[in-house]
Amino acid sequence: MAWEGALGIVPADCDGLVVSTEFPVFEIDEKVMLPAVIDTYFKSPEVWPGLSGQSGGTNVRRRRLNPNDFLNLQIPWPDQETQSAIKHCVSRMQAIRAIQSETATELDAMLPAILDRAFKGELV
């Protein structure tokens, strides 16, 4: 399922919980690579075709990336300063997306009230 982006970082509050063998678990050496950077890399749809080429299985829904093949993947390895900059940018983008989502929800909720007032002739 890695070929369709089914990869992620387990949050600290879920550490130690039981997971299906369908999802191999790896530990990240944070002195070498920041988890947020790896997470961002593997969430990129541009990466998925490469994972697809490494995934095998009898049919599309059963395709899996072998853990050893995953460990042997060649991925970009930015220096720590660049990783920190990537993490900062991603964090800011997530904050902006949250604000946009909240604003869109509020605007969607306003539309029925605006239309109601318009049809009653109450808009100025």
PDB file of N, CA and C in Angstrom:
ATOM      1  N   MET A   1       0.808  -1.196   0.000  1.00  0.00           N
ATOM      2  CA  MET A   1       0.000   0.000   0.000  1.00  0.00           C
ATOM      3  C   MET A   1       0.850   1.259   0.000  1.00  0.00           C
ATOM      4  N   ALA A   2       2.160   1.073   0.152  1.00  0.00           N
ATOM      5  CA  ALA A   2       3.052   2.234   0.110  1.00  0.00           C
ATOM      6  C   ALA A   2       2.955   2.942  -1.226  1.00  0.00           C
ATOM      7  N   TRP A   3       2.646   2.196  -2.264  1.00  0.00           N
ATOM      8  CA  TRP A   3       2.564   2.756  -3.621  1.00  0.00           C
ATOM      9  C   TRP A   3       1.443   3.769  -3.771  1.00  0.00           C
ATOM     10  N   GLU A   4       0.527   3.824  -2.798  1.00  0.00           N
ATOM     11  CA  GLU A   4      -0.538   4.830  -2.847  1.00  0.00           C
ATOM     12  C   GLU A   4      -0.446   5.793  -1.667  1.00  0.00           C
ATOM     13  N   GLY A   5       0.736   5.853  -1.061  1.00  0.00           N
ATOM     14  CA  GLY A   5       0.974   6.827  -0.006  1.00  0.00           C
ATOM     15  C   GLY A   5       0.578   6.389   1.389  1.00  0.00           C
ATOM     16  N   ALA A   6       0.360   5.092   1.602  1.00  0.00           N
ATOM     17  CA  ALA A   6      -0.052   4.600   2.923  1.00  0.00           C
ATOM     18  C   ALA A   6       1.177   4.424   3.820  1.00  0.00           C
ATOM     19  N   LEU A   7       1.817   5.539   4.114  1.00  0.00           N
ATOM     20  CA  LEU A   7       2.970   5.583   5.001  1.00  0.00           C
ATOM     21  C   LEU A   7       2.737   6.722   5.977  1.00  0.00           C
ATOM     22  N   GLY A   8       3.291   6.628   7.158  1.00  0.00           N
ATOM     23  CA  GLY A   8       3.100   7.721   8.097  1.00  0.00           C
ATOM     24  C   GLY A   8       3.986   7.591   9.314  1.00  0.00           C
ATOM     25  N   ILE A   9       4.018   8.648  10.086  1.00  0.00           N
ATOM     26  CA  ILE A   9       4.773   8.695  11.331  1.00  0.00           C
ATOM     27  C   ILE A   9       3.791   8.477  12.478  1.00  0.00           C
ATOM     28  N   VAL A  10       4.115   7.554  13.355  1.00  0.00           N
ATOM     29  CA  VAL A  10       3.248   7.262  14.499  1.00  0.00           C
ATOM     30  C   VAL A  10       3.467   8.342  15.558  1.00  0.00           C
ATOM     31  N   PRO A  11       2.388   9.002  16.000  1.00  0.00           N
ATOM     32  CA  PRO A  11       2.558  10.024  17.042  1.00  0.00           C
ATOM     33  C   PRO A  11       2.985   9.388  18.365  1.00  0.00           C
ATOM     34  N   ALA A  12       3.651  10.166  19.192  1.00  0.00           N
ATOM     35  CA  ALA A  12       4.190   9.665  20.463  1.00  0.00           C
ATOM     36  C   ALA A  12       3.121   9.006  21.324  1.00  0.00           C
ATOM     37  N   ASP A  13       1.887   9.534  21.311  1.00  0.00           N
ATOM     38  CA  ASP A  13       0.843   8.963  22.166  1.00  0.00           C
ATOM     39  C   ASP A  13       0.368   7.598  21.672  1.00  0.00           C
ATOM     40  N   CYS A  14       0.789   7.178  20.491  1.00  0.00           N
ATOM     41  CA  CYS A  14       0.422   5.851  19.972  1.00  0.00           C
ATOM     42  C   CYS A  14       1.598   4.878  20.020  1.00  0.00           C
ATOM     43  N   ASP A  15       2.744   5.340  20.506  1.00  0.00           N
ATOM     44  CA  ASP A  15       3.927   4.488  20.575  1.00  0.00           C
ATOM     45  C   ASP A  15       3.644   3.275  21.456  1.00  0.00           C
ATOM     46  N   GLY A  16       3.994   2.103  20.957  1.00  0.00           N
ATOM     47  CA  GLY A  16       3.814   0.874  21.715  1.00  0.00           C
ATOM     48  C   GLY A  16       2.488   0.184  21.496  1.00  0.00           C
ATOM     49  N   LEU A  17       1.572   0.793  20.750  1.00  0.00           N
ATOM     50  CA  LEU A  17       0.284   0.159  20.478  1.00  0.00           C
ATOM     51  C   LEU A  17       0.448  -0.949  19.446  1.00  0.00           C
ATOM     52  N   VAL A  18      -0.496  -1.855  19.418  1.00  0.00           N
ATOM     53  CA  VAL A  18      -0.461  -2.982  18.492  1.00  0.00           C
ATOM     54  C   VAL A  18      -0.875  -2.513  17.107  1.00  0.00           C
ATOM     55  N   VAL A  19      -0.180  -3.019  16.094  1.00  0.00           N
ATOM     56  CA  VAL A  19      -0.491  -2.676  14.710  1.00  0.00           C
ATOM     57  C   VAL A  19      -0.498  -3.960  13.884  1.00  0.00           C
ATOM     58  N   SER A  20      -1.251  -3.957  12.810  1.00  0.00           N
ATOM     59  CA  SER A  20      -1.330  -5.108  11.917  1.00  0.00           C
ATOM     60  C   SER A  20       0.026  -5.388  11.278  1.00  0.00           C
ATOM     61  N   THR A  21       0.296  -6.654  11.009  1.00  0.00           N
ATOM     62  CA  THR A  21       1.528  -7.016  10.303  1.00  0.00           C
ATOM     63  C   THR A  21       1.518  -6.503   8.870  1.00  0.00           C
ATOM     64  N   GLU A  22       0.362  -6.026   8.409  1.00  0.00           N
ATOM     65  CA  GLU A  22       0.278  -5.416   7.078  1.00  0.00           C
ATOM     66  C   GLU A  22       1.066  -4.109   7.039  1.00  0.00           C
ATOM     67  N   PHE A  23       1.358  -3.550   8.210  1.00  0.00           N
ATOM     68  CA  PHE A  23       2.059  -2.275   8.291  1.00  0.00           C
ATOM     69  C   PHE A  23       3.347  -2.438   9.100  1.00  0.00           C
ATOM     70  N   PRO A  24       4.464  -2.723   8.425  1.00  0.00           N
ATOM     71  CA  PRO A  24       5.737  -2.831   9.153  1.00  0.00           C
ATOM     72  C   PRO A  24       6.066  -1.505   9.847  1.00  0.00           C
ATOM     73  N   VAL A  25       6.725  -1.602  10.970  1.00  0.00           N
ATOM     74  CA  VAL A  25       7.071  -0.421  11.764  1.00  0.00           C
ATOM     75  C   VAL A  25       8.596  -0.291  11.807  1.00  0.00           C
ATOM     76  N   PHE A  26       9.078   0.931  11.607  1.00  0.00           N
ATOM     77  CA  PHE A  26      10.506   1.217  11.643  1.00  0.00           C
ATOM     78  C   PHE A  26      10.746   2.378  12.594  1.00  0.00           C
ATOM     79  N   GLU A  27      11.936   2.430  13.174  1.00  0.00           N
ATOM     80  CA  GLU A  27      12.309   3.573  14.009  1.00  0.00           C
ATOM     81  C   GLU A  27      13.218   4.486  13.208  1.00  0.00           C
ATOM     82  N   ILE A  28      13.042   5.777  13.392  1.00  0.00           N
ATOM     83  CA  ILE A  28      13.836   6.776  12.685  1.00  0.00           C
ATOM     84  C   ILE A  28      14.911   7.301  13.627  1.00  0.00           C
ATOM     85  N   ASP A  29      16.143   7.313  13.166  1.00  0.00           N
ATOM     86  CA  ASP A  29      17.231   7.907  13.939  1.00  0.00           C
ATOM     87  C   ASP A  29      17.134   9.418  13.755  1.00  0.00           C
ATOM     88  N   GLU A  30      16.571  10.089  14.744  1.00  0.00           N
ATOM     89  CA  GLU A  30      16.300  11.525  14.639  1.00  0.00           C
ATOM     90  C   GLU A  30      17.571  12.374  14.615  1.00  0.00           C
ATOM     91  N   LYS A  31      18.712  11.780  14.944  1.00  0.00           N
ATOM     92  CA  LYS A  31      19.973  12.512  14.822  1.00  0.00           C
ATOM     93  C   LYS A  31      20.399  12.594  13.357  1.00  0.00           C
ATOM     94  N   VAL A  32      19.836  11.709  12.549  1.00  0.00           N
ATOM     95  CA  VAL A  32      20.189  11.649  11.133  1.00  0.00           C
ATOM     96  C   VAL A  32      19.125  12.309  10.264  1.00  0.00           C
ATOM     97  N   MET A  33      17.852  12.005  10.528  1.00  0.00           N
ATOM     98  CA  MET A  33      16.756  12.522   9.699  1.00  0.00           C
ATOM     99  C   MET A  33      15.566  12.846  10.590  1.00  0.00           C
ATOM    100  N   LEU A  34      15.011  14.020  10.419  1.00  0.00           N
ATOM    101  CA  LEU A  34      13.837  14.420  11.194  1.00  0.00           C
ATOM    102  C   LEU A  34      12.605  13.675  10.687  1.00  0.00           C
ATOM    103  N   PRO A  35      11.797  13.115  11.594  1.00  0.00           N
ATOM    104  CA  PRO A  35      10.584  12.403  11.168  1.00  0.00           C
ATOM    105  C   PRO A  35       9.674  13.248  10.280  1.00  0.00           C
ATOM    106  N   ALA A  36       9.560  14.533  10.568  1.00  0.00           N
ATOM    107  CA  ALA A  36       8.687  15.400   9.763  1.00  0.00           C
ATOM    108  C   ALA A  36       9.154  15.471   8.316  1.00  0.00           C
ATOM    109  N   VAL A  37      10.457  15.394   8.095  1.00  0.00           N
ATOM    110  CA  VAL A  37      10.998  15.454   6.736  1.00  0.00           C
ATOM    111  C   VAL A  37      10.691  14.155   5.993  1.00  0.00           C
ATOM    112  N   ILE A  38      10.891  13.027   6.651  1.00  0.00           N
ATOM    113  CA  ILE A  38      10.569  11.737   6.022  1.00  0.00           C
ATOM    114  C   ILE A  38       9.074  11.662   5.743  1.00  0.00           C
ATOM    115  N   ASP A  39       8.266  12.102   6.691  1.00  0.00           N
ATOM    116  CA  ASP A  39       6.811  12.088   6.515  1.00  0.00           C
ATOM    117  C   ASP A  39       6.411  12.930   5.305  1.00  0.00           C
ATOM    118  N   THR A  40       6.980  14.116   5.199  1.00  0.00           N
ATOM    119  CA  THR A  40       6.683  15.000   4.070  1.00  0.00           C
ATOM    120  C   THR A  40       7.113  14.357   2.757  1.00  0.00           C
ATOM    121  N   TYR A  41       8.275  13.759   2.742  1.00  0.00           N
ATOM    122  CA  TYR A  41       8.786  13.115   1.526  1.00  0.00           C
ATOM    123  C   TYR A  41       7.832  12.022   1.045  1.00  0.00           C
ATOM    124  N   PHE A  42       7.436  11.137   1.942  1.00  0.00           N
ATOM    125  CA  PHE A  42       6.598  10.005   1.533  1.00  0.00           C
ATOM    126  C   PHE A  42       5.135  10.386   1.304  1.00  0.00           C
ATOM    127  N   LYS A  43       4.720  11.568   1.729  1.00  0.00           N
ATOM    128  CA  LYS A  43       3.359  12.037   1.428  1.00  0.00           C
ATOM    129  C   LYS A  43       3.275  12.672   0.043  1.00  0.00           C
ATOM    130  N   SER A  44       4.407  12.833  -0.596  1.00  0.00           N
ATOM    131  CA  SER A  44       4.448  13.469  -1.910  1.00  0.00           C
ATOM    132  C   SER A  44       4.025  12.477  -2.997  1.00  0.00           C
ATOM    133  N   PRO A  45       2.941  12.770  -3.727  1.00  0.00           N
ATOM    134  CA  PRO A  45       2.494  11.865  -4.796  1.00  0.00           C
ATOM    135  C   PRO A  45       3.566  11.601  -5.854  1.00  0.00           C
ATOM    136  N   GLU A  46       4.531  12.491  -5.994  1.00  0.00           N
ATOM    137  CA  GLU A  46       5.607  12.274  -6.958  1.00  0.00           C
ATOM    138  C   GLU A  46       6.495  11.093  -6.561  1.00  0.00           C
ATOM    139  N   VAL A  47       6.505  10.728  -5.302  1.00  0.00           N
ATOM    140  CA  VAL A  47       7.336   9.631  -4.796  1.00  0.00           C
ATOM    141  C   VAL A  47       6.658   8.274  -5.019  1.00  0.00           C
ATOM    142  N   TRP A  48       5.338   8.257  -5.036  1.00  0.00           N
ATOM    143  CA  TRP A  48       4.588   7.003  -5.065  1.00  0.00           C
ATOM    144  C   TRP A  48       4.875   6.106  -6.267  1.00  0.00           C
ATOM    145  N   PRO A  49       5.058   6.640  -7.480  1.00  0.00           N
ATOM    146  CA  PRO A  49       5.368   5.729  -8.595  1.00  0.00           C
ATOM    147  C   PRO A  49       6.645   4.919  -8.360  1.00  0.00           C
ATOM    148  N   GLY A  50       7.645   5.529  -7.739  1.00  0.00           N
ATOM    149  CA  GLY A  50       8.867   4.793  -7.419  1.00  0.00           C
ATOM    150  C   GLY A  50       8.605   3.672  -6.435  1.00  0.00           C
ATOM    151  N   LEU A  51       7.725   3.921  -5.475  1.00  0.00           N
ATOM    152  CA  LEU A  51       7.356   2.883  -4.514  1.00  0.00           C
ATOM    153  C   LEU A  51       6.549   1.791  -5.205  1.00  0.00           C
ATOM    154  N   SER A  52       5.732   2.193  -6.159  1.00  0.00           N
ATOM    155  CA  SER A  52       4.923   1.233  -6.909  1.00  0.00           C
ATOM    156  C   SER A  52       5.815   0.250  -7.654  1.00  0.00           C
ATOM    157  N   GLY A  53       6.895   0.771  -8.232  1.00  0.00           N
ATOM    158  CA  GLY A  53       7.817  -0.091  -8.966  1.00  0.00           C
ATOM    159  C   GLY A  53       8.511  -1.104  -8.073  1.00  0.00           C
ATOM    160  N   GLN A  54       8.609  -0.798  -6.789  1.00  0.00           N
ATOM    161  CA  GLN A  54       9.241  -1.704  -5.825  1.00  0.00           C
ATOM    162  C   GLN A  54       8.246  -2.669  -5.179  1.00  0.00           C
ATOM    163  N   SER A  55       6.944  -2.390  -5.349  1.00  0.00           N
ATOM    164  CA  SER A  55       5.907  -3.184  -4.676  1.00  0.00           C
ATOM    165  C   SER A  55       5.502  -4.379  -5.524  1.00  0.00           C
ATOM    166  N   GLY A  56       5.318  -5.510  -4.868  1.00  0.00           N
ATOM    167  CA  GLY A  56       4.888  -6.717  -5.573  1.00  0.00           C
ATOM    168  C   GLY A  56       3.616  -7.268  -4.967  1.00  0.00           C
ATOM    169  N   GLY A  57       2.972  -8.168  -5.688  1.00  0.00           N
ATOM    170  CA  GLY A  57       1.750  -8.800  -5.198  1.00  0.00           C
ATOM    171  C   GLY A  57       0.961  -9.391  -6.345  1.00  0.00           C
ATOM    172  N   THR A  58      -0.025 -10.228  -5.995  1.00  0.00           N
ATOM    173  CA  THR A  58      -0.788 -10.937  -7.019  1.00  0.00           C
ATOM    174  C   THR A  58      -1.821 -10.066  -7.709  1.00  0.00           C
ATOM    175  N   ASN A  59      -2.328  -9.043  -7.032  1.00  0.00           N
ATOM    176  CA  ASN A  59      -3.253  -8.105  -7.668  1.00  0.00           C
ATOM    177  C   ASN A  59      -3.059  -6.726  -7.037  1.00  0.00           C
ATOM    178  N   VAL A  60      -3.702  -5.734  -7.601  1.00  0.00           N
ATOM    179  CA  VAL A  60      -3.456  -4.348  -7.191  1.00  0.00           C
ATOM    180  C   VAL A  60      -3.655  -4.142  -5.696  1.00  0.00           C
ATOM    181  N   ARG A  61      -4.732  -4.620  -5.123  1.00  0.00           N
ATOM    182  CA  ARG A  61      -5.020  -4.375  -3.708  1.00  0.00           C
ATOM    183  C   ARG A  61      -4.108  -5.169  -2.777  1.00  0.00           C
ATOM    184  N   ARG A  62      -3.410  -6.161  -3.290  1.00  0.00           N
ATOM    185  CA  ARG A  62      -2.521  -6.972  -2.451  1.00  0.00           C
ATOM    186  C   ARG A  62      -1.050  -6.593  -2.620  1.00  0.00           C
ATOM    187  N   ARG A  63      -0.775  -5.549  -3.386  1.00  0.00           N
ATOM    188  CA  ARG A  63       0.614  -5.148  -3.610  1.00  0.00           C
ATOM    189  C   ARG A  63       1.205  -4.592  -2.317  1.00  0.00           C
ATOM    190  N   ARG A  64       2.407  -5.045  -2.002  1.00  0.00           N
ATOM    191  CA  ARG A  64       3.087  -4.612  -0.780  1.00  0.00           C
ATOM    192  C   ARG A  64       4.546  -4.300  -1.085  1.00  0.00           C
ATOM    193  N   LEU A  65       5.095  -3.378  -0.323  1.00  0.00           N
ATOM    194  CA  LEU A  65       6.515  -3.062  -0.412  1.00  0.00           C
ATOM    195  C   LEU A  65       7.230  -3.885   0.653  1.00  0.00           C
ATOM    196  N   ASN A  66       8.123  -4.750   0.220  1.00  0.00           N
ATOM    197  CA  ASN A  66       8.872  -5.595   1.141  1.00  0.00           C
ATOM    198  C   ASN A  66       9.692  -4.707   2.086  1.00  0.00           C
ATOM    199  N   PRO A  67       9.675  -4.999   3.395  1.00  0.00           N
ATOM    200  CA  PRO A  67      10.427  -4.169   4.344  1.00  0.00           C
ATOM    201  C   PRO A  67      11.905  -4.003   3.979  1.00  0.00           C
ATOM    202  N   ASN A  68      12.540  -5.065   3.477  1.00  0.00           N
ATOM    203  CA  ASN A  68      13.949  -4.941   3.080  1.00  0.00           C
ATOM    204  C   ASN A  68      14.112  -3.993   1.894  1.00  0.00           C
ATOM    205  N   ASP A  69      13.163  -4.049   0.958  1.00  0.00           N
ATOM    206  CA  ASP A  69      13.206  -3.121  -0.175  1.00  0.00           C
ATOM    207  C   ASP A  69      13.006  -1.683   0.307  1.00  0.00           C
ATOM    208  N   PHE A  70      12.132  -1.505   1.288  1.00  0.00           N
ATOM    209  CA  PHE A  70      11.915  -0.171   1.857  1.00  0.00           C
ATOM    210  C   PHE A  70      13.209   0.358   2.474  1.00  0.00           C
ATOM    211  N   LEU A  71      13.877  -0.495   3.232  1.00  0.00           N
ATOM    212  CA  LEU A  71      15.117  -0.076   3.891  1.00  0.00           C
ATOM    213  C   LEU A  71      16.228   0.238   2.892  1.00  0.00           C
ATOM    214  N   ASN A  72      16.134  -0.312   1.700  1.00  0.00           N
ATOM    215  CA  ASN A  72      17.152  -0.076   0.675  1.00  0.00           C
ATOM    216  C   ASN A  72      16.801   1.058  -0.288  1.00  0.00           C
ATOM    217  N   LEU A  73      15.675   1.736  -0.054  1.00  0.00           N
ATOM    218  CA  LEU A  73      15.296   2.853  -0.917  1.00  0.00           C
ATOM    219  C   LEU A  73      16.350   3.956  -0.849  1.00  0.00           C
ATOM    220  N   GLN A  74      16.604   4.574  -1.981  1.00  0.00           N
ATOM    221  CA  GLN A  74      17.498   5.730  -2.044  1.00  0.00           C
ATOM    222  C   GLN A  74      16.620   6.980  -1.994  1.00  0.00           C
ATOM    223  N   ILE A  75      16.757   7.759  -0.931  1.00  0.00           N
ATOM    224  CA  ILE A  75      15.952   8.977  -0.802  1.00  0.00           C
ATOM    225  C   ILE A  75      16.882  10.171  -0.604  1.00  0.00           C
ATOM    226  N   PRO A  76      16.403  11.373  -0.937  1.00  0.00           N
ATOM    227  CA  PRO A  76      17.230  12.565  -0.711  1.00  0.00           C
ATOM    228  C   PRO A  76      17.571  12.697   0.776  1.00  0.00           C
ATOM    229  N   TRP A  77      18.763  13.149   1.058  1.00  0.00           N
ATOM    230  CA  TRP A  77      19.240  13.234   2.436  1.00  0.00           C
ATOM    231  C   TRP A  77      19.755  14.642   2.723  1.00  0.00           C
ATOM    232  N   PRO A  78      18.854  15.598   2.974  1.00  0.00           N
ATOM    233  CA  PRO A  78      19.311  16.975   3.208  1.00  0.00           C
ATOM    234  C   PRO A  78      20.075  17.104   4.527  1.00  0.00           C
ATOM    235  N   ASP A  79      20.929  18.122   4.593  1.00  0.00           N
ATOM    236  CA  ASP A  79      21.654  18.364   5.846  1.00  0.00           C
ATOM    237  C   ASP A  79      20.668  18.833   6.922  1.00  0.00           C
ATOM    238  N   GLN A  80      21.125  18.866   8.171  1.00  0.00           N
ATOM    239  CA  GLN A  80      20.249  19.191   9.305  1.00  0.00           C
ATOM    240  C   GLN A  80      19.623  20.580   9.176  1.00  0.00           C
ATOM    241  N   GLU A  81      20.380  21.545   8.680  1.00  0.00           N
ATOM    242  CA  GLU A  81      19.849  22.898   8.530  1.00  0.00           C
ATOM    243  C   GLU A  81      18.696  22.912   7.520  1.00  0.00           C
ATOM    244  N   THR A  82      18.871  22.212   6.416  1.00  0.00           N
ATOM    245  CA  THR A  82      17.816  22.135   5.399  1.00  0.00           C
ATOM    246  C   THR A  82      16.610  21.385   5.941  1.00  0.00           C
ATOM    247  N   GLN A  83      16.859  20.317   6.697  1.00  0.00           N
ATOM    248  CA  GLN A  83      15.754  19.567   7.299  1.00  0.00           C
ATOM    249  C   GLN A  83      14.947  20.459   8.238  1.00  0.00           C
ATOM    250  N   SER A  84      15.632  21.253   9.042  1.00  0.00           N
ATOM    251  CA  SER A  84      14.931  22.164   9.958  1.00  0.00           C
ATOM    252  C   SER A  84      14.097  23.175   9.181  1.00  0.00           C
ATOM    253  N   ALA A  85      14.638  23.668   8.074  1.00  0.00           N
ATOM    254  CA  ALA A  85      13.895  24.623   7.242  1.00  0.00           C
ATOM    255  C   ALA A  85      12.667  23.955   6.630  1.00  0.00           C
ATOM    256  N   ILE A  86      12.822  22.720   6.163  1.00  0.00           N
ATOM    257  CA  ILE A  86      11.685  21.975   5.600  1.00  0.00           C
ATOM    258  C   ILE A  86      10.614  21.791   6.666  1.00  0.00           C
ATOM    259  N   LYS A  87      11.032  21.359   7.858  1.00  0.00           N
ATOM    260  CA  LYS A  87      10.086  21.139   8.954  1.00  0.00           C
ATOM    261  C   LYS A  87       9.335  22.426   9.287  1.00  0.00           C
ATOM    262  N   HIS A  88      10.041  23.539   9.331  1.00  0.00           N
ATOM    263  CA  HIS A  88       9.422  24.835   9.631  1.00  0.00           C
ATOM    264  C   HIS A  88       8.405  25.208   8.549  1.00  0.00           C
ATOM    265  N   CYS A  89       8.785  25.059   7.291  1.00  0.00           N
ATOM    266  CA  CYS A  89       7.872  25.391   6.176  1.00  0.00           C
ATOM    267  C   CYS A  89       6.623  24.522   6.212  1.00  0.00           C
ATOM    268  N   VAL A  90       6.802  23.231   6.442  1.00  0.00           N
ATOM    269  CA  VAL A  90       5.659  22.313   6.491  1.00  0.00           C
ATOM    270  C   VAL A  90       4.737  22.686   7.643  1.00  0.00           C
ATOM    271  N   SER A  91       5.306  23.017   8.782  1.00  0.00           N
ATOM    272  CA  SER A  91       4.510  23.413   9.943  1.00  0.00           C
ATOM    273  C   SER A  91       3.691  24.665   9.637  1.00  0.00           C
ATOM    274  N   ARG A  92       4.306  25.641   8.986  1.00  0.00           N
ATOM    275  CA  ARG A  92       3.588  26.876   8.617  1.00  0.00           C
ATOM    276  C   ARG A  92       2.480  26.588   7.614  1.00  0.00           C
ATOM    277  N   MET A  93       2.766  25.726   6.631  1.00  0.00           N
ATOM    278  CA  MET A  93       1.747  25.375   5.633  1.00  0.00           C
ATOM    279  C   MET A  93       0.562  24.679   6.294  1.00  0.00           C
ATOM    280  N   GLN A  94       0.835  23.794   7.256  1.00  0.00           N
ATOM    281  CA  GLN A  94      -0.252  23.109   7.952  1.00  0.00           C
ATOM    282  C   GLN A  94      -1.107  24.105   8.727  1.00  0.00           C
ATOM    283  N   ALA A  95      -0.481  25.086   9.344  1.00  0.00           N
ATOM    284  CA  ALA A  95      -1.229  26.109  10.083  1.00  0.00           C
ATOM    285  C   ALA A  95      -2.102  26.922   9.134  1.00  0.00           C
ATOM    286  N   ILE A  96      -1.565  27.274   7.979  1.00  0.00           N
ATOM    287  CA  ILE A  96      -2.342  28.033   6.990  1.00  0.00           C
ATOM    288  C   ILE A  96      -3.504  27.201   6.467  1.00  0.00           C
ATOM    289  N   ARG A  97      -3.257  25.917   6.192  1.00  0.00           N
ATOM    290  CA  ARG A  97      -4.338  25.037   5.724  1.00  0.00           C
ATOM    291  C   ARG A  97      -5.450  24.931   6.759  1.00  0.00           C
ATOM    292  N   ALA A  98      -5.083  24.866   8.032  1.00  0.00           N
ATOM    293  CA  ALA A  98      -6.093  24.781   9.091  1.00  0.00           C
ATOM    294  C   ALA A  98      -6.955  26.037   9.105  1.00  0.00           C
ATOM    295  N   ILE A  99      -6.327  27.192   8.956  1.00  0.00           N
ATOM    296  CA  ILE A  99      -7.082  28.453   8.912  1.00  0.00           C
ATOM    297  C   ILE A  99      -7.985  28.484   7.688  1.00  0.00           C
ATOM    298  N   GLN A 100      -7.468  28.062   6.533  1.00  0.00           N
ATOM    299  CA  GLN A 100      -8.279  28.039   5.310  1.00  0.00           C
ATOM    300  C   GLN A 100      -9.474  27.102   5.462  1.00  0.00           C
ATOM    301  N   SER A 101      -9.249  25.948   6.055  1.00  0.00           N
ATOM    302  CA  SER A 101     -10.330  24.981   6.247  1.00  0.00           C
ATOM    303  C   SER A 101     -11.404  25.551   7.168  1.00  0.00           C
ATOM    304  N   GLU A 102     -10.963  26.180   8.245  1.00  0.00           N
ATOM    305  CA  GLU A 102     -11.900  26.790   9.197  1.00  0.00           C
ATOM    306  C   GLU A 102     -12.698  27.905   8.523  1.00  0.00           C
ATOM    307  N   THR A 103     -12.021  28.726   7.745  1.00  0.00           N
ATOM    308  CA  THR A 103     -12.681  29.824   7.034  1.00  0.00           C
ATOM    309  C   THR A 103     -13.682  29.291   6.022  1.00  0.00           C
ATOM    310  N   ALA A 104     -13.309  28.254   5.282  1.00  0.00           N
ATOM    311  CA  ALA A 104     -14.217  27.664   4.287  1.00  0.00           C
ATOM    312  C   ALA A 104     -15.467  27.116   4.963  1.00  0.00           C
ATOM    313  N   THR A 105     -15.300  26.478   6.108  1.00  0.00           N
ATOM    314  CA  THR A 105     -16.443  25.946   6.850  1.00  0.00           C
ATOM    315  C   THR A 105     -17.369  27.080   7.285  1.00  0.00           C
ATOM    316  N   GLU A 106     -16.790  28.160   7.781  1.00  0.00           N
ATOM    317  CA  GLU A 106     -17.596  29.310   8.209  1.00  0.00           C
ATOM    318  C   GLU A 106     -18.335  29.936   7.025  1.00  0.00           C
ATOM    319  N   LEU A 107     -17.653  30.066   5.892  1.00  0.00           N
ATOM    320  CA  LEU A 107     -18.298  30.640   4.708  1.00  0.00           C
ATOM    321  C   LEU A 107     -19.426  29.745   4.203  1.00  0.00           C
ATOM    322  N   ASP A 108     -19.206  28.436   4.209  1.00  0.00           N
ATOM    323  CA  ASP A 108     -20.261  27.502   3.797  1.00  0.00           C
ATOM    324  C   ASP A 108     -21.478  27.617   4.704  1.00  0.00           C
ATOM    325  N   ALA A 109     -21.241  27.827   5.995  1.00  0.00           N
ATOM    326  CA  ALA A 109     -22.347  27.957   6.942  1.00  0.00           C
ATOM    327  C   ALA A 109     -23.104  29.269   6.740  1.00  0.00           C
ATOM    328  N   MET A 110     -22.428  30.294   6.238  1.00  0.00           N
ATOM    329  CA  MET A 110     -23.070  31.594   6.034  1.00  0.00           C
ATOM    330  C   MET A 110     -23.971  31.620   4.799  1.00  0.00           C
ATOM    331  N   LEU A 111     -23.669  30.821   3.802  1.00  0.00           N
ATOM    332  CA  LEU A 111     -24.397  30.879   2.537  1.00  0.00           C
ATOM    333  C   LEU A 111     -25.906  30.721   2.693  1.00  0.00           C
ATOM    334  N   PRO A 112     -26.414  29.720   3.429  1.00  0.00           N
ATOM    335  CA  PRO A 112     -27.872  29.603   3.568  1.00  0.00           C
ATOM    336  C   PRO A 112     -28.509  30.848   4.192  1.00  0.00           C
ATOM    337  N   ALA A 113     -27.854  31.448   5.172  1.00  0.00           N
ATOM    338  CA  ALA A 113     -28.397  32.652   5.817  1.00  0.00           C
ATOM    339  C   ALA A 113     -28.429  33.824   4.838  1.00  0.00           C
ATOM    340  N   ILE A 114     -27.393  33.961   4.036  1.00  0.00           N
ATOM    341  CA  ILE A 114     -27.354  35.043   3.040  1.00  0.00           C
ATOM    342  C   ILE A 114     -28.461  34.852   2.013  1.00  0.00           C
ATOM    343  N   LEU A 115     -28.611  33.624   1.520  1.00  0.00           N
ATOM    344  CA  LEU A 115     -29.666  33.351   0.541  1.00  0.00           C
ATOM    345  C   LEU A 115     -31.048  33.601   1.136  1.00  0.00           C
ATOM    346  N   ASP A 116     -31.238  33.206   2.386  1.00  0.00           N
ATOM    347  CA  ASP A 116     -32.524  33.419   3.049  1.00  0.00           C
ATOM    348  C   ASP A 116     -32.850  34.912   3.102  1.00  0.00           C
ATOM    349  N   ARG A 117     -31.869  35.707   3.506  1.00  0.00           N
ATOM    350  CA  ARG A 117     -32.084  37.162   3.571  1.00  0.00           C
ATOM    351  C   ARG A 117     -32.303  37.749   2.182  1.00  0.00           C
ATOM    352  N   ALA A 118     -31.593  37.227   1.190  1.00  0.00           N
ATOM    353  CA  ALA A 118     -31.740  37.742  -0.176  1.00  0.00           C
ATOM    354  C   ALA A 118     -33.146  37.489  -0.697  1.00  0.00           C
ATOM    355  N   PHE A 119     -33.658  36.283  -0.484  1.00  0.00           N
ATOM    356  CA  PHE A 119     -34.996  35.953  -0.983  1.00  0.00           C
ATOM    357  C   PHE A 119     -36.099  36.684  -0.208  1.00  0.00           C
ATOM    358  N   LYS A 120     -35.790  37.125   0.995  1.00  0.00           N
ATOM    359  CA  LYS A 120     -36.752  37.911   1.772  1.00  0.00           C
ATOM    360  C   LYS A 120     -36.633  39.397   1.459  1.00  0.00           C
ATOM    361  N   GLY A 121     -35.682  39.755   0.612  1.00  0.00           N
ATOM    362  CA  GLY A 121     -35.484  41.153   0.255  1.00  0.00           C
ATOM    363  C   GLY A 121     -34.823  41.963   1.346  1.00  0.00           C
ATOM    364  N   GLU A 122     -34.107  41.301   2.241  1.00  0.00           N
ATOM    365  CA  GLU A 122     -33.503  41.990   3.377  1.00  0.00           C
ATOM    366  C   GLU A 122     -32.056  42.419   3.144  1.00  0.00           C
ATOM    367  N   LEU A 123     -31.477  42.058   2.001  1.00  0.00           N
ATOM    368  CA  LEU A 123     -30.094  42.469   1.743  1.00  0.00           C
ATOM    369  C   LEU A 123     -30.068  43.905   1.260  1.00  0.00           C
ATOM    370  N   VAL A 124     -29.102  44.642   1.720  1.00  0.00           N
ATOM    371  CA  VAL A 124     -28.979  46.052   1.333  1.00  0.00           C
ATOM    372  C   VAL A 124     -28.017  46.158   0.178  1.00  0.00           C
TER     373      VAL A 124
END
